[in-house]
Protein backbone atom coordinates (compact mmCIF):
# COMPACT_ATOMS: atom_id res chain seq x y z
CA UNK A 1 43.14 29.50 -1.78
CA UNK A 2 42.49 25.31 -1.55
CA UNK A 3 41.25 23.56 1.47
CA UNK A 4 43.85 21.47 3.61
CA UNK A 5 42.96 17.78 3.69
CA UNK A 6 41.60 16.58 6.90
CA UNK A 7 43.95 14.90 9.26
CA UNK A 8 41.75 12.48 11.11
CA UNK A 9 37.98 11.12 10.41
CA UNK A 10 35.74 11.15 13.51
CA UNK A 11 33.08 8.88 12.98
CA UNK A 12 29.88 9.37 15.14
CA UNK A 13 27.49 5.89 15.62
CA UNK A 14 24.07 6.27 17.03
CA UNK A 15 22.87 2.95 18.73
CA UNK A 16 19.47 2.12 19.45
CA UNK A 17 18.15 0.02 22.35
CA UNK A 18 15.08 -2.73 21.69
CA UNK A 19 12.45 -0.09 23.06
CA UNK A 20 13.82 2.91 20.28
CA UNK A 21 14.37 0.51 17.60
CA UNK A 22 10.41 -0.71 18.61
CA UNK A 23 9.38 2.82 18.48
CA UNK A 24 11.16 3.41 15.00
CA UNK A 25 9.67 0.66 13.46
CA UNK A 26 5.85 1.76 14.23
CA UNK A 27 6.83 5.63 12.98
CA UNK A 28 8.13 3.60 9.76
CA UNK A 29 4.91 1.61 9.29
CA UNK A 30 2.52 4.58 10.32
CA UNK A 31 4.75 6.86 7.76
CA UNK A 32 4.83 4.18 4.79
CA UNK A 33 0.89 3.20 5.49
CA UNK A 34 0.29 7.20 4.83
CA UNK A 35 2.03 7.17 1.81
CA UNK A 36 0.18 4.59 0.19
CA UNK A 37 -3.08 5.50 1.71
CA UNK A 38 -3.33 9.13 0.88
CA UNK A 39 -3.24 8.96 -2.68
CA UNK A 40 -5.58 5.50 -2.76
CA UNK A 41 -8.10 7.73 -0.35
CA UNK A 42 -7.57 10.58 -3.11
CA UNK A 43 -8.63 8.78 -5.93
CA UNK A 44 -12.02 8.16 -4.55
CA UNK A 45 -12.68 12.13 -4.06
CA UNK A 46 -13.32 11.84 -7.79
CA UNK A 47 -16.32 11.03 -9.53
CA UNK A 48 -14.40 8.23 -11.63
CA UNK A 49 -12.79 6.59 -8.70
CA UNK A 50 -15.81 6.42 -6.71
CA UNK A 51 -17.90 4.96 -9.88
CA UNK A 52 -15.35 2.12 -9.44
CA UNK A 53 -15.61 1.62 -5.87
CA UNK A 54 -19.41 1.54 -6.24
CA UNK A 55 -19.05 -1.48 -9.11
CA UNK A 56 -16.75 -3.54 -6.77
CA UNK A 57 -19.49 -2.93 -4.14
CA UNK A 58 -22.25 -3.93 -6.44
CA UNK A 59 -20.47 -6.89 -7.45
CA UNK A 60 -19.07 -8.19 -4.18
CA UNK A 61 -22.07 -7.69 -2.21
CA UNK A 62 -24.84 -8.05 -5.37
CA UNK A 63 -26.65 -5.31 -4.16
CA UNK A 64 -27.49 -2.65 -6.80
CA UNK A 65 -26.70 0.84 -6.25
CA UNK A 66 -28.82 3.53 -7.82
CA UNK A 67 -27.19 6.44 -8.98
CA UNK A 68 -29.23 9.86 -10.29
CA UNK A 69 -27.61 10.78 -14.06
CA UNK A 70 -24.71 12.99 -13.90
CA UNK A 71 -24.01 12.44 -10.48
CA UNK A 72 -21.62 14.25 -8.00
CA UNK A 73 -19.16 13.01 -5.65
CA UNK A 74 -21.70 13.65 -2.58
CA UNK A 75 -24.46 11.85 -4.47
CA UNK A 76 -22.46 8.90 -5.17
CA UNK A 77 -21.73 8.84 -1.34
CA UNK A 78 -25.24 8.76 -0.26
CA UNK A 79 -25.91 6.25 -2.84
CA UNK A 80 -22.85 4.26 -1.48
CA UNK A 81 -24.57 4.82 2.05
CA UNK A 82 -27.90 3.64 0.83
CA UNK A 83 -26.34 0.45 -0.50
CA UNK A 84 -24.53 -0.38 2.85
CA UNK A 85 -27.91 0.26 4.91
CA UNK A 86 -29.43 -2.15 2.47
CA UNK A 87 -26.56 -4.89 2.42
CA UNK A 88 -26.84 -4.88 6.45
CA UNK A 89 -30.59 -5.18 6.19
CA UNK A 90 -29.96 -8.39 4.01
CA UNK A 91 -27.50 -9.36 6.06
CA UNK A 92 -30.07 -9.39 8.95
CA UNK A 93 -32.98 -11.08 7.08
CA UNK A 94 -31.12 -13.68 5.04
CA UNK A 95 -28.07 -14.23 7.16
CA UNK A 96 -25.36 -13.01 4.59
CA UNK A 97 -22.03 -12.39 6.17
CA UNK A 98 -19.00 -13.22 3.45
CA UNK A 99 -18.59 -9.78 2.58
CA UNK A 100 -18.91 -7.95 6.24
CA UNK A 101 -15.20 -6.97 6.34
CA UNK A 102 -15.55 -5.47 2.82
CA UNK A 103 -18.65 -3.50 3.58
CA UNK A 104 -16.55 -2.53 7.25
CA UNK A 105 -14.20 -0.90 4.78
CA UNK A 106 -16.00 0.53 2.31
CA UNK A 107 -18.28 2.18 5.51
CA UNK A 108 -15.05 3.41 6.82
CA UNK A 109 -13.86 5.18 3.66
CA UNK A 110 -17.48 6.98 3.04
CA UNK A 111 -16.80 8.46 6.63
CA UNK A 112 -13.18 9.29 5.61
CA UNK A 113 -14.20 11.11 2.70
CA UNK A 114 -16.95 12.93 4.22
CA UNK A 115 -14.09 14.07 6.73
CA UNK A 116 -15.42 12.04 10.03
CA UNK A 117 -11.62 10.15 10.13
CA UNK A 118 -8.12 11.44 9.37
CA UNK A 119 -5.19 9.25 8.07
CA UNK A 120 -3.09 11.15 11.05
């Protein structure tokens, strides 16, 4: 037996106030950041991603990061930590400061990969 056609249409509408709209904007921004940041951080859990990060670090700071042959991600993180320490020591002695924001970002990424921070 066929379904009868509806006799009326009921429209439900939800109207948000300013506070609710602001809260939704914050939630959407956090959700969007998480959707972008999670795959980006996952790249650096791989040796090839870490190699690219170390290469960029070396180009920006001019500090060589010494890696053992066939390095693991953990060894690369330790080497990057040493590079960050060398950069900060050089900054104290020579006053190098143009890349400090970049170094802070790299340092946060290293701490994240070690599990010291989370995206949520």
